[in-house]
Amino acid sequence: MDIKSLIYITAIAEEKSLSGAARKLHISQPTLSVYLSGLETSLGTDLFFRVRKQLIPTPAGRLYIDAARKIISIHDQTYQSIHRISHEQRETIIVGASPFRGSVIMAQIFPQFSRRFPDVKIEIRESYMQDLWETTRNRRVNFSLVSYCSTENPAFDYITISREELVLGVPAFHRLAYLAERGASALTAMNIREFADTPFVLLARGTTVRAVSDQIFSRAGLVPTVVFETNNLLVLSHMIRQGAGAGIMPRSSMDVPSDDMVYFSLTPRSYANLGIIMPKGHRMTEAERYLAYLVIRKDLENPVYTSAMNSAARCLWDEFSEKEPFV
C-alpha cells in the first residue's frame, strides 16, 4: 500500500506551507509543488486557499485531508498488527510518566515509534512527580518524563529538553483581576507580593511546581496563607475557579479564554525544567534513544515551552533529526 502521496498532503496541511512541509518531508519544495499541482488538476478543484503566505484547506481539501489521515492510520495499524503476529517483541521499554504531560506525549509519539521499532513494546507507568523520581531511582522504569528545578541530584542522568513558565491563576472576581490581559499570548506581569492578602491553593509538596512556588514566595519574603493543597492540576484549577484562592501553575495548564479565571505572569519570571531522567549510568538502547528523541521533538513543537536542550538532548537530536523521514 503506497501512502506517500497521502503523507505529502497531510504534511502540507500541518505546516501550512510548501516550504515547511518540504523540510519536514526531507524533499525539495519544487517536487512538492509539482505534486500538489498535479493532484489538484486530477481532482478538478483546489485543495488549499493561499491566504497571507499560508495554505489553508478548502472544503474539498478538508475532506481529502481527513480521509488521508484515516487511511494513514489504518495503514499503520494494519502493518503493525501483521508484524506483531509474525514477530516476537524483543525489547520492552518501561517509561514513567505523569497522568498529564507525560502520558499525552507518549500517546502522540507511539505510532511513529512503532513504525521504526515494531518489535519493541512500550509500557507506561503513570504516577505523580514525587513517585516518578523514586521509581526511576529504583530502576523500575527505564526512564521517566519529569519536571525539575535543578540537575544536581547525583542519582540521575538528565536529558533537559525545555522549560515552562509558571503563571498565577486568580479568580475572575479578585480585586486585581481587572489588570489581567485576557489572552494567552501576552500576560500582565505582577509581583507575587501584590497578592499578599490573598489565600492560596497550591500543588502539594514533592511536586516541581510546589518547589518553584516556595522559591517564589521565599524570594518575595512572603508567607502565603495556604488553604488547600493537591497533586492534581485539574483540581487546582477548579478550586481557583470556585474562588478558593489564587494558585501557581504551569502555563500549559491555562484555559483561555475563561469567564471565571484570569492569569498573570510573575515578576521575576519563574520556570520549571522539562526533560527525561534515568538512573545514573544507564546506557540507553537505540530504541530508547529514538523514543527520547521523539519526546524532544514533540516538546520543541509546543509553543508554550522554551527550548533549553542540554548536551545529552542535543546528542540525541543530532543522532536522529537529519536522517528522520516524515512517515
C-alpha atoms as a PDB file:
ATOM      1  CA  MET A   1       0.000   0.000   0.000  1.00  0.00           C
ATOM      2  CA  ASP A   2       1.649   3.255  -1.167  1.00  0.00           C
ATOM      3  CA  ILE A   3       0.592   6.124   1.078  1.00  0.00           C
ATOM      4  CA  LYS A   4       3.432   8.521   0.263  1.00  0.00           C
ATOM      5  CA  SER A   5       1.135  10.942  -1.569  1.00  0.00           C
ATOM      6  CA  LEU A   6      -1.252  10.992   1.388  1.00  0.00           C
ATOM      7  CA  ILE A   7       1.632  11.774   3.729  1.00  0.00           C
ATOM      8  CA  TYR A   8       2.584  14.668   1.460  1.00  0.00           C
ATOM      9  CA  ILE A   9      -0.862  16.277   1.613  1.00  0.00           C
ATOM     10  CA  THR A  10      -1.173  15.921   5.403  1.00  0.00           C
ATOM     11  CA  ALA A  11       2.273  17.474   5.840  1.00  0.00           C
ATOM     12  CA  ILE A  12       1.230  20.486   3.757  1.00  0.00           C
ATOM     13  CA  ALA A  13      -1.904  20.855   5.894  1.00  0.00           C
ATOM     14  CA  GLU A  14       0.064  20.660   9.146  1.00  0.00           C
ATOM     15  CA  GLU A  15       2.842  23.050   8.111  1.00  0.00           C
ATOM     16  CA  LYS A  16       0.536  25.442   6.185  1.00  0.00           C
ATOM     17  CA  SER A  17       3.261  25.988   3.587  1.00  0.00           C
ATOM     18  CA  LEU A  18       5.099  24.095   0.890  1.00  0.00           C
ATOM     19  CA  SER A  19       8.493  25.137   2.243  1.00  0.00           C
ATOM     20  CA  GLY A  20       7.709  23.940   5.772  1.00  0.00           C
ATOM     21  CA  ALA A  21       6.241  20.670   4.527  1.00  0.00           C
ATOM     22  CA  ALA A  22       9.223  20.085   2.242  1.00  0.00           C
ATOM     23  CA  ARG A  23      11.614  20.490   5.166  1.00  0.00           C
ATOM     24  CA  LYS A  24       9.564  18.090   7.261  1.00  0.00           C
ATOM     25  CA  LEU A  25       9.384  15.548   4.443  1.00  0.00           C
ATOM     26  CA  HIS A  26      13.062  15.959   3.528  1.00  0.00           C
ATOM     27  CA  ILE A  27      12.220  16.580  -0.123  1.00  0.00           C
ATOM     28  CA  SER A  28      12.616  19.648  -2.356  1.00  0.00           C
ATOM     29  CA  GLN A  29       9.946  22.319  -2.446  1.00  0.00           C
ATOM     30  CA  PRO A  30       9.623  22.158  -6.277  1.00  0.00           C
ATOM     31  CA  THR A  31       8.925  18.415  -6.039  1.00  0.00           C
ATOM     32  CA  LEU A  32       6.159  19.035  -3.525  1.00  0.00           C
ATOM     33  CA  SER A  33       4.738  21.931  -5.565  1.00  0.00           C
ATOM     34  CA  VAL A  34       4.549  19.763  -8.695  1.00  0.00           C
ATOM     35  CA  TYR A  35       2.841  17.004  -6.696  1.00  0.00           C
ATOM     36  CA  LEU A  36       0.189  19.354  -5.264  1.00  0.00           C
ATOM     37  CA  SER A  37      -0.479  20.981  -8.632  1.00  0.00           C
ATOM     38  CA  GLY A  38      -0.895  17.573 -10.284  1.00  0.00           C
ATOM     39  CA  LEU A  39      -3.216  16.343  -7.547  1.00  0.00           C
ATOM     40  CA  GLU A  40      -5.428  19.442  -7.749  1.00  0.00           C
ATOM     41  CA  THR A  41      -5.565  19.103 -11.535  1.00  0.00           C
ATOM     42  CA  SER A  42      -6.578  15.443 -11.342  1.00  0.00           C
ATOM     43  CA  LEU A  43      -9.292  16.239  -8.788  1.00  0.00           C
ATOM     44  CA  GLY A  44     -10.508  19.262 -10.736  1.00  0.00           C
ATOM     45  CA  THR A  45     -10.521  21.514  -7.682  1.00  0.00           C
ATOM     46  CA  ASP A  46      -8.174  23.424  -5.382  1.00  0.00           C
ATOM     47  CA  LEU A  47      -7.339  21.784  -2.060  1.00  0.00           C
ATOM     48  CA  PHE A  48      -5.887  24.910  -0.445  1.00  0.00           C
ATOM     49  CA  PHE A  49      -6.588  28.628  -0.323  1.00  0.00           C
ATOM     50  CA  ARG A  50      -3.500  30.850  -0.498  1.00  0.00           C
ATOM     51  CA  VAL A  51      -4.005  33.327   2.384  1.00  0.00           C
ATOM     52  CA  ARG A  52      -1.200  35.611   3.604  1.00  0.00           C
ATOM     53  CA  LYS A  53       1.524  33.169   2.521  1.00  0.00           C
ATOM     54  CA  GLN A  54      -0.274  30.295   4.237  1.00  0.00           C
ATOM     55  CA  LEU A  55      -2.036  27.326   2.687  1.00  0.00           C
ATOM     56  CA  ILE A  56      -5.482  26.875   4.259  1.00  0.00           C
ATOM     57  CA  PRO A  57      -7.575  23.820   3.277  1.00  0.00           C
ATOM     58  CA  THR A  58     -10.631  24.463   1.132  1.00  0.00           C
ATOM     59  CA  PRO A  59     -13.822  22.498   1.931  1.00  0.00           C
ATOM     60  CA  ALA A  60     -12.703  19.911  -0.626  1.00  0.00           C
ATOM     61  CA  GLY A  61      -9.235  19.986   0.910  1.00  0.00           C
ATOM     62  CA  ARG A  62     -10.581  19.274   4.380  1.00  0.00           C
ATOM     63  CA  LEU A  63     -12.460  16.233   3.051  1.00  0.00           C
ATOM     64  CA  TYR A  64      -9.351  14.929   1.300  1.00  0.00           C
ATOM     65  CA  ILE A  65      -7.054  15.563   4.273  1.00  0.00           C
ATOM     66  CA  ASP A  66      -9.438  13.905   6.774  1.00  0.00           C
ATOM     67  CA  ALA A  67      -9.680  10.846   4.525  1.00  0.00           C
ATOM     68  CA  ALA A  68      -5.893  10.786   4.067  1.00  0.00           C
ATOM     69  CA  ARG A  69      -5.289  10.783   7.815  1.00  0.00           C
ATOM     70  CA  LYS A  70      -7.747   7.935   8.317  1.00  0.00           C
ATOM     71  CA  ILE A  71      -6.102   5.871   5.584  1.00  0.00           C
ATOM     72  CA  ILE A  72      -2.622   6.508   7.019  1.00  0.00           C
ATOM     73  CA  SER A  73      -3.843   5.451  10.462  1.00  0.00           C
ATOM     74  CA  ILE A  74      -5.437   2.262   9.109  1.00  0.00           C
ATOM     75  CA  HIS A  75      -2.265   1.526   7.121  1.00  0.00           C
ATOM     76  CA  ASP A  76      -0.063   1.896  10.192  1.00  0.00           C
ATOM     77  CA  GLN A  77      -2.308  -0.156  12.457  1.00  0.00           C
ATOM     78  CA  THR A  78      -2.633  -2.926   9.865  1.00  0.00           C
ATOM     79  CA  TYR A  79       1.087  -3.251   9.226  1.00  0.00           C
ATOM     80  CA  GLN A  80       1.895  -3.101  12.929  1.00  0.00           C
ATOM     81  CA  SER A  81      -0.667  -5.798  13.740  1.00  0.00           C
ATOM     82  CA  ILE A  82       0.646  -8.069  10.969  1.00  0.00           C
ATOM     83  CA  HIS A  83       4.202  -7.562  12.170  1.00  0.00           C
ATOM     84  CA  ARG A  84       3.331  -8.350  15.764  1.00  0.00           C
ATOM     85  CA  ILE A  85       1.587 -11.568  14.744  1.00  0.00           C
ATOM     86  CA  SER A  86       4.657 -12.782  12.870  1.00  0.00           C
ATOM     87  CA  HIS A  87       7.401 -11.425  15.155  1.00  0.00           C
ATOM     88  CA  GLU A  88       8.084 -11.722  18.842  1.00  0.00           C
ATOM     89  CA  GLN A  89       8.671  -8.456  20.660  1.00  0.00           C
ATOM     90  CA  ARG A  90      12.342  -8.486  21.630  1.00  0.00           C
ATOM     91  CA  GLU A  91      12.509  -5.468  23.948  1.00  0.00           C
ATOM     92  CA  THR A  92      10.279  -3.687  26.440  1.00  0.00           C
ATOM     93  CA  ILE A  93      10.781  -0.045  27.390  1.00  0.00           C
ATOM     94  CA  ILE A  94       9.093   0.962  30.623  1.00  0.00           C
ATOM     95  CA  VAL A  95       8.527   4.714  30.818  1.00  0.00           C
ATOM     96  CA  GLY A  96       7.490   6.637  33.904  1.00  0.00           C
ATOM     97  CA  ALA A  97       5.094   9.467  33.107  1.00  0.00           C
ATOM     98  CA  SER A  98       2.682  11.833  34.798  1.00  0.00           C
ATOM     99  CA  PRO A  99      -1.041  11.406  34.060  1.00  0.00           C
ATOM    100  CA  PHE A 100      -0.932  14.732  32.209  1.00  0.00           C
ATOM    101  CA  ARG A 101       2.019  15.838  30.095  1.00  0.00           C
ATOM    102  CA  GLY A 102       3.913  12.545  30.014  1.00  0.00           C
ATOM    103  CA  SER A 103       1.085  10.235  29.068  1.00  0.00           C
ATOM    104  CA  VAL A 104      -0.236  12.626  26.408  1.00  0.00           C
ATOM    105  CA  ILE A 105       3.193  12.853  24.772  1.00  0.00           C
ATOM    106  CA  MET A 106       3.634   9.076  24.752  1.00  0.00           C
ATOM    107  CA  ALA A 107       0.259   8.598  23.082  1.00  0.00           C
ATOM    108  CA  GLN A 108       1.191  11.144  20.407  1.00  0.00           C
ATOM    109  CA  ILE A 109       4.585   9.686  19.529  1.00  0.00           C
ATOM    110  CA  PHE A 110       3.797   5.965  19.840  1.00  0.00           C
ATOM    111  CA  PRO A 111       2.621   5.460  16.213  1.00  0.00           C
ATOM    112  CA  GLN A 112       5.862   6.853  14.779  1.00  0.00           C
ATOM    113  CA  PHE A 113       7.991   4.945  17.262  1.00  0.00           C
ATOM    114  CA  SER A 114       6.184   1.707  16.453  1.00  0.00           C
ATOM    115  CA  ARG A 115       6.780   2.158  12.737  1.00  0.00           C
ATOM    116  CA  ARG A 116      10.529   2.218  13.311  1.00  0.00           C
ATOM    117  CA  PHE A 117      10.667  -0.320  16.145  1.00  0.00           C
ATOM    118  CA  PRO A 118       7.677  -2.657  15.700  1.00  0.00           C
ATOM    119  CA  ASP A 119       9.370  -5.362  17.795  1.00  0.00           C
ATOM    120  CA  VAL A 120       9.679  -3.098  20.846  1.00  0.00           C
ATOM    121  CA  LYS A 121       6.907  -2.883  23.421  1.00  0.00           C
ATOM    122  CA  ILE A 122       6.305   0.293  25.450  1.00  0.00           C
ATOM    123  CA  GLU A 123       4.773   0.201  28.920  1.00  0.00           C
ATOM    124  CA  ILE A 124       3.691   3.408  30.659  1.00  0.00           C
ATOM    125  CA  ARG A 125       3.866   3.606  34.455  1.00  0.00           C
ATOM    126  CA  GLU A 126       1.710   6.574  35.437  1.00  0.00           C
ATOM    127  CA  SER A 127       2.458   8.319  38.692  1.00  0.00           C
ATOM    128  CA  TYR A 128       2.722  11.743  40.245  1.00  0.00           C
ATOM    129  CA  MET A 129       6.059  13.508  40.190  1.00  0.00           C
ATOM    130  CA  GLN A 130       7.423  12.519  43.595  1.00  0.00           C
ATOM    131  CA  ASP A 131       6.782   8.830  42.921  1.00  0.00           C
ATOM    132  CA  LEU A 132       8.357   9.075  39.459  1.00  0.00           C
ATOM    133  CA  TRP A 133      11.706  10.047  40.978  1.00  0.00           C
ATOM    134  CA  GLU A 134      11.626   7.131  43.406  1.00  0.00           C
ATOM    135  CA  THR A 135      10.518   4.695  40.693  1.00  0.00           C
ATOM    136  CA  THR A 136      13.371   5.819  38.452  1.00  0.00           C
ATOM    137  CA  ARG A 137      15.932   5.703  41.258  1.00  0.00           C
ATOM    138  CA  ASN A 138      14.951   2.092  41.981  1.00  0.00           C
ATOM    139  CA  ARG A 139      15.219   1.184  38.265  1.00  0.00           C
ATOM    140  CA  ARG A 140      11.624   0.064  37.987  1.00  0.00           C
ATOM    141  CA  VAL A 141      11.440   2.090  34.760  1.00  0.00           C
ATOM    142  CA  ASN A 142      13.988   2.662  32.003  1.00  0.00           C
ATOM    143  CA  PHE A 143      13.461   6.411  32.211  1.00  0.00           C
ATOM    144  CA  SER A 144      10.828   8.952  33.248  1.00  0.00           C
ATOM    145  CA  LEU A 145       9.399  12.138  31.770  1.00  0.00           C
ATOM    146  CA  VAL A 146       9.537  14.698  34.566  1.00  0.00           C
ATOM    147  CA  SER A 147       9.860  18.356  35.501  1.00  0.00           C
ATOM    148  CA  TYR A 148      12.531  19.609  37.885  1.00  0.00           C
ATOM    149  CA  CYS A 149      14.184  22.673  39.372  1.00  0.00           C
ATOM    150  CA  SER A 150      17.817  21.609  39.060  1.00  0.00           C
ATOM    151  CA  THR A 151      20.030  18.801  37.795  1.00  0.00           C
ATOM    152  CA  GLU A 152      22.099  18.448  40.942  1.00  0.00           C
ATOM    153  CA  ASN A 153      20.834  15.073  42.200  1.00  0.00           C
ATOM    154  CA  PRO A 154      23.782  12.673  41.657  1.00  0.00           C
ATOM    155  CA  ALA A 155      21.485   9.632  41.462  1.00  0.00           C
ATOM    156  CA  PHE A 156      20.246  10.580  37.984  1.00  0.00           C
ATOM    157  CA  ASP A 157      21.354  11.427  34.483  1.00  0.00           C
ATOM    158  CA  TYR A 158      19.336  14.235  32.908  1.00  0.00           C
ATOM    159  CA  ILE A 159      18.175  14.952  29.371  1.00  0.00           C
ATOM    160  CA  THR A 160      16.916  18.524  29.678  1.00  0.00           C
ATOM    161  CA  ILE A 161      14.669  19.493  26.760  1.00  0.00           C
ATOM    162  CA  SER A 162      12.834  22.704  27.528  1.00  0.00           C
ATOM    163  CA  ARG A 163      11.494  24.913  30.250  1.00  0.00           C
ATOM    164  CA  GLU A 164       7.998  26.138  31.023  1.00  0.00           C
ATOM    165  CA  GLU A 165       6.931  29.355  32.670  1.00  0.00           C
ATOM    166  CA  LEU A 166       4.818  29.180  35.813  1.00  0.00           C
ATOM    167  CA  VAL A 167       1.910  31.613  35.975  1.00  0.00           C
ATOM    168  CA  LEU A 168      -0.520  32.805  38.620  1.00  0.00           C
ATOM    169  CA  GLY A 169      -4.176  31.875  38.245  1.00  0.00           C
ATOM    170  CA  VAL A 170      -6.674  34.156  40.021  1.00  0.00           C
ATOM    171  CA  PRO A 171     -10.482  34.060  40.346  1.00  0.00           C
ATOM    172  CA  ALA A 172     -12.107  36.497  37.928  1.00  0.00           C
ATOM    173  CA  PHE A 173     -13.719  38.424  40.807  1.00  0.00           C
ATOM    174  CA  HIS A 174     -10.385  39.126  42.555  1.00  0.00           C
ATOM    175  CA  ARG A 175      -9.745  42.823  43.201  1.00  0.00           C
ATOM    176  CA  LEU A 176      -6.730  42.795  40.826  1.00  0.00           C
ATOM    177  CA  ALA A 177      -8.316  40.670  38.082  1.00  0.00           C
ATOM    178  CA  TYR A 178      -9.179  43.759  36.028  1.00  0.00           C
ATOM    179  CA  LEU A 179      -5.448  44.276  35.371  1.00  0.00           C
ATOM    180  CA  ALA A 180      -5.074  40.929  33.580  1.00  0.00           C
ATOM    181  CA  GLU A 181      -4.765  40.667  29.814  1.00  0.00           C
ATOM    182  CA  ARG A 182      -7.484  38.311  28.593  1.00  0.00           C
ATOM    183  CA  GLY A 183      -5.342  36.392  26.095  1.00  0.00           C
ATOM    184  CA  ALA A 184      -2.744  33.650  26.280  1.00  0.00           C
ATOM    185  CA  SER A 185      -0.043  35.353  24.202  1.00  0.00           C
ATOM    186  CA  ALA A 186       0.753  38.317  26.460  1.00  0.00           C
ATOM    187  CA  LEU A 187       0.119  38.216  30.192  1.00  0.00           C
ATOM    188  CA  THR A 188       0.256  41.146  32.580  1.00  0.00           C
ATOM    189  CA  ALA A 189       3.337  40.835  34.803  1.00  0.00           C
ATOM    190  CA  MET A 190       2.764  41.146  38.561  1.00  0.00           C
ATOM    191  CA  ASN A 191       4.897  40.724  41.657  1.00  0.00           C
ATOM    192  CA  ILE A 192       3.591  37.994  43.946  1.00  0.00           C
ATOM    193  CA  ARG A 193       3.720  40.491  46.838  1.00  0.00           C
ATOM    194  CA  GLU A 194       0.671  42.217  45.321  1.00  0.00           C
ATOM    195  CA  PHE A 195      -1.292  39.126  46.397  1.00  0.00           C
ATOM    196  CA  ALA A 196      -0.049  39.021  49.968  1.00  0.00           C
ATOM    197  CA  ASP A 197      -3.610  39.318  51.328  1.00  0.00           C
ATOM    198  CA  THR A 198      -4.941  36.571  49.030  1.00  0.00           C
ATOM    199  CA  PRO A 199      -5.351  32.935  50.153  1.00  0.00           C
ATOM    200  CA  PHE A 200      -3.549  30.362  48.001  1.00  0.00           C
ATOM    201  CA  VAL A 201      -4.370  26.899  46.707  1.00  0.00           C
ATOM    202  CA  LEU A 202      -1.147  25.136  45.766  1.00  0.00           C
ATOM    203  CA  LEU A 203       0.154  21.896  44.368  1.00  0.00           C
ATOM    204  CA  ALA A 204       1.346  19.549  47.112  1.00  0.00           C
ATOM    205  CA  ARG A 205       4.887  19.366  48.423  1.00  0.00           C
ATOM    206  CA  GLY A 206       7.001  16.963  46.409  1.00  0.00           C
ATOM    207  CA  THR A 207       5.869  18.411  43.074  1.00  0.00           C
ATOM    208  CA  THR A 208       8.181  20.562  40.981  1.00  0.00           C
ATOM    209  CA  VAL A 209       5.638  23.357  40.710  1.00  0.00           C
ATOM    210  CA  ARG A 210       5.353  23.481  44.501  1.00  0.00           C
ATOM    211  CA  ALA A 211       9.134  23.611  44.890  1.00  0.00           C
ATOM    212  CA  VAL A 212       9.333  26.561  42.470  1.00  0.00           C
ATOM    213  CA  SER A 213       6.307  28.177  44.162  1.00  0.00           C
ATOM    214  CA  ASP A 214       8.047  28.008  47.535  1.00  0.00           C
ATOM    215  CA  GLN A 215      11.102  29.672  45.965  1.00  0.00           C
ATOM    216  CA  ILE A 216       8.875  32.448  44.568  1.00  0.00           C
ATOM    217  CA  PHE A 217       7.359  33.121  47.993  1.00  0.00           C
ATOM    218  CA  SER A 218      10.747  32.981  49.709  1.00  0.00           C
ATOM    219  CA  ARG A 219      12.323  35.495  47.327  1.00  0.00           C
ATOM    220  CA  ALA A 220       9.403  37.835  47.888  1.00  0.00           C
ATOM    221  CA  GLY A 221       9.625  37.488  51.674  1.00  0.00           C
ATOM    222  CA  LEU A 222       6.023  36.282  51.664  1.00  0.00           C
ATOM    223  CA  VAL A 223       4.500  33.574  53.855  1.00  0.00           C
ATOM    224  CA  PRO A 224       1.320  32.629  51.969  1.00  0.00           C
ATOM    225  CA  THR A 225      -1.938  31.585  53.579  1.00  0.00           C
ATOM    226  CA  VAL A 226      -2.385  28.120  52.052  1.00  0.00           C
ATOM    227  CA  VAL A 227      -5.987  26.913  52.280  1.00  0.00           C
ATOM    228  CA  PHE A 228      -5.782  23.854  50.027  1.00  0.00           C
ATOM    229  CA  GLU A 229      -3.149  21.520  48.545  1.00  0.00           C
ATOM    230  CA  THR A 230      -3.450  18.889  45.824  1.00  0.00           C
ATOM    231  CA  ASN A 231      -1.347  16.748  43.495  1.00  0.00           C
ATOM    232  CA  ASN A 232      -3.816  17.242  40.671  1.00  0.00           C
ATOM    233  CA  LEU A 233      -3.616  20.256  38.335  1.00  0.00           C
ATOM    234  CA  LEU A 234      -7.240  19.866  37.280  1.00  0.00           C
ATOM    235  CA  VAL A 235      -8.353  20.020  40.897  1.00  0.00           C
ATOM    236  CA  LEU A 236      -6.123  23.049  41.474  1.00  0.00           C
ATOM    237  CA  SER A 237      -7.671  24.875  38.521  1.00  0.00           C
ATOM    238  CA  HIS A 238     -11.189  24.001  39.667  1.00  0.00           C
ATOM    239  CA  MET A 239     -10.512  25.316  43.179  1.00  0.00           C
ATOM    240  CA  ILE A 240      -9.274  28.633  41.766  1.00  0.00           C
ATOM    241  CA  ARG A 241     -12.351  28.925  39.560  1.00  0.00           C
ATOM    242  CA  GLN A 242     -14.557  28.333  42.567  1.00  0.00           C
ATOM    243  CA  GLY A 243     -12.896  31.236  44.351  1.00  0.00           C
ATOM    244  CA  ALA A 244     -10.910  29.302  46.965  1.00  0.00           C
ATOM    245  CA  GLY A 245      -7.789  31.338  46.255  1.00  0.00           C
ATOM    246  CA  ALA A 246      -5.013  32.084  43.800  1.00  0.00           C
ATOM    247  CA  GLY A 247      -2.692  29.349  42.550  1.00  0.00           C
ATOM    248  CA  ILE A 248       0.609  28.890  40.707  1.00  0.00           C
ATOM    249  CA  MET A 249       0.523  26.516  37.747  1.00  0.00           C
ATOM    250  CA  PRO A 250       2.358  25.656  34.508  1.00  0.00           C
ATOM    251  CA  ARG A 251       1.492  27.894  31.587  1.00  0.00           C
ATOM    252  CA  SER A 252       0.342  24.848  29.589  1.00  0.00           C
ATOM    253  CA  SER A 253      -2.472  24.400  32.134  1.00  0.00           C
ATOM    254  CA  MET A 254      -4.030  27.757  31.285  1.00  0.00           C
ATOM    255  CA  ASP A 255      -7.575  27.622  29.946  1.00  0.00           C
ATOM    256  CA  VAL A 256      -8.226  30.738  27.875  1.00  0.00           C
ATOM    257  CA  PRO A 257     -10.480  32.432  27.298  1.00  0.00           C
ATOM    258  CA  SER A 258     -12.211  31.915  30.635  1.00  0.00           C
ATOM    259  CA  ASP A 259     -15.066  33.781  32.306  1.00  0.00           C
ATOM    260  CA  ASP A 260     -14.173  32.769  35.859  1.00  0.00           C
ATOM    261  CA  MET A 261     -10.383  32.870  35.944  1.00  0.00           C
ATOM    262  CA  VAL A 262      -7.577  35.191  34.833  1.00  0.00           C
ATOM    263  CA  TYR A 263      -3.811  34.713  34.628  1.00  0.00           C
ATOM    264  CA  PHE A 264      -0.737  36.777  35.428  1.00  0.00           C
ATOM    265  CA  SER A 265       2.920  36.352  34.582  1.00  0.00           C
ATOM    266  CA  LEU A 266       5.138  36.718  37.641  1.00  0.00           C
ATOM    267  CA  THR A 267       7.940  39.247  38.131  1.00  0.00           C
ATOM    268  CA  PRO A 268      10.606  37.946  38.008  1.00  0.00           C
ATOM    269  CA  ARG A 269       9.539  35.108  35.722  1.00  0.00           C
ATOM    270  CA  SER A 270       9.879  31.611  37.119  1.00  0.00           C
ATOM    271  CA  TYR A 271      10.300  28.366  35.219  1.00  0.00           C
ATOM    272  CA  ALA A 272      10.350  24.593  35.609  1.00  0.00           C
ATOM    273  CA  ASN A 273      12.671  22.398  33.540  1.00  0.00           C
ATOM    274  CA  LEU A 274      11.095  19.650  31.428  1.00  0.00           C
ATOM    275  CA  GLY A 275      13.031  16.575  30.442  1.00  0.00           C
ATOM    276  CA  ILE A 276      13.929  12.943  30.968  1.00  0.00           C
ATOM    277  CA  ILE A 277      15.683  11.357  33.939  1.00  0.00           C
ATOM    278  CA  MET A 278      17.426   7.979  34.081  1.00  0.00           C
ATOM    279  CA  PRO A 279      19.247   6.085  36.813  1.00  0.00           C
ATOM    280  CA  LYS A 280      22.853   7.257  36.919  1.00  0.00           C
ATOM    281  CA  GLY A 281      24.958   5.413  34.359  1.00  0.00           C
ATOM    282  CA  HIS A 282      22.030   3.873  32.464  1.00  0.00           C
ATOM    283  CA  ARG A 283      23.075   3.014  28.886  1.00  0.00           C
ATOM    284  CA  MET A 284      20.199   3.671  26.513  1.00  0.00           C
ATOM    285  CA  THR A 285      19.438   1.205  23.730  1.00  0.00           C
ATOM    286  CA  GLU A 286      18.862   2.522  20.211  1.00  0.00           C
ATOM    287  CA  ALA A 287      15.100   2.137  20.717  1.00  0.00           C
ATOM    288  CA  GLU A 288      15.261   4.098  23.983  1.00  0.00           C
ATOM    289  CA  ARG A 289      17.306   6.841  22.331  1.00  0.00           C
ATOM    290  CA  TYR A 290      14.841   7.104  19.467  1.00  0.00           C
ATOM    291  CA  LEU A 291      11.899   7.251  21.857  1.00  0.00           C
ATOM    292  CA  ALA A 292      13.651  10.016  23.808  1.00  0.00           C
ATOM    293  CA  TYR A 293      14.335  11.861  20.531  1.00  0.00           C
ATOM    294  CA  LEU A 294      10.616  11.769  19.674  1.00  0.00           C
ATOM    295  CA  VAL A 295       9.841  13.229  23.108  1.00  0.00           C
ATOM    296  CA  ILE A 296      12.338  16.026  22.426  1.00  0.00           C
ATOM    297  CA  ARG A 297      10.816  16.758  19.038  1.00  0.00           C
ATOM    298  CA  LYS A 298       7.285  16.823  20.427  1.00  0.00           C
ATOM    299  CA  ASP A 299       8.282  19.195  23.235  1.00  0.00           C
ATOM    300  CA  LEU A 300      10.014  21.541  20.804  1.00  0.00           C
ATOM    301  CA  GLU A 301       6.809  21.748  18.760  1.00  0.00           C
ATOM    302  CA  ASN A 302       4.917  23.077  21.783  1.00  0.00           C
ATOM    303  CA  PRO A 303       4.755  26.902  21.571  1.00  0.00           C
ATOM    304  CA  VAL A 304       4.322  27.177  25.345  1.00  0.00           C
ATOM    305  CA  TYR A 305       7.758  25.668  26.015  1.00  0.00           C
ATOM    306  CA  THR A 306      11.141  27.358  25.541  1.00  0.00           C
ATOM    307  CA  SER A 307      13.977  25.235  24.194  1.00  0.00           C
ATOM    308  CA  ALA A 308      16.660  24.544  26.812  1.00  0.00           C
ATOM    309  CA  MET A 309      18.402  21.439  25.451  1.00  0.00           C
ATOM    310  CA  ASN A 310      21.470  20.286  27.340  1.00  0.00           C
ATOM    311  CA  SER A 311      24.316  18.339  25.706  1.00  0.00           C
ATOM    312  CA  ALA A 312      22.567  14.981  26.194  1.00  0.00           C
ATOM    313  CA  ALA A 313      19.449  16.229  24.410  1.00  0.00           C
ATOM    314  CA  ARG A 314      21.497  17.736  21.594  1.00  0.00           C
ATOM    315  CA  CYS A 315      23.332  14.452  21.065  1.00  0.00           C
ATOM    316  CA  LEU A 316      20.021  12.644  20.604  1.00  0.00           C
ATOM    317  CA  TRP A 317      18.765  15.398  18.301  1.00  0.00           C
ATOM    318  CA  ASP A 318      21.908  15.187  16.161  1.00  0.00           C
ATOM    319  CA  GLU A 319      21.708  11.397  16.024  1.00  0.00           C
ATOM    320  CA  PHE A 320      18.191  11.232  14.569  1.00  0.00           C
ATOM    321  CA  SER A 321      16.977  14.594  13.234  1.00  0.00           C
ATOM    322  CA  GLU A 322      18.878  14.757   9.942  1.00  0.00           C
ATOM    323  CA  LYS A 323      18.001  11.236   8.821  1.00  0.00           C
ATOM    324  CA  GLU A 324      14.474  11.155  10.221  1.00  0.00           C
ATOM    325  CA  PRO A 325      11.872  10.880   7.427  1.00  0.00           C
ATOM    326  CA  PHE A 326       8.327  12.142   7.898  1.00  0.00           C
ATOM    327  CA  VAL A 327       6.267   8.932   7.864  1.00  0.00           C
END
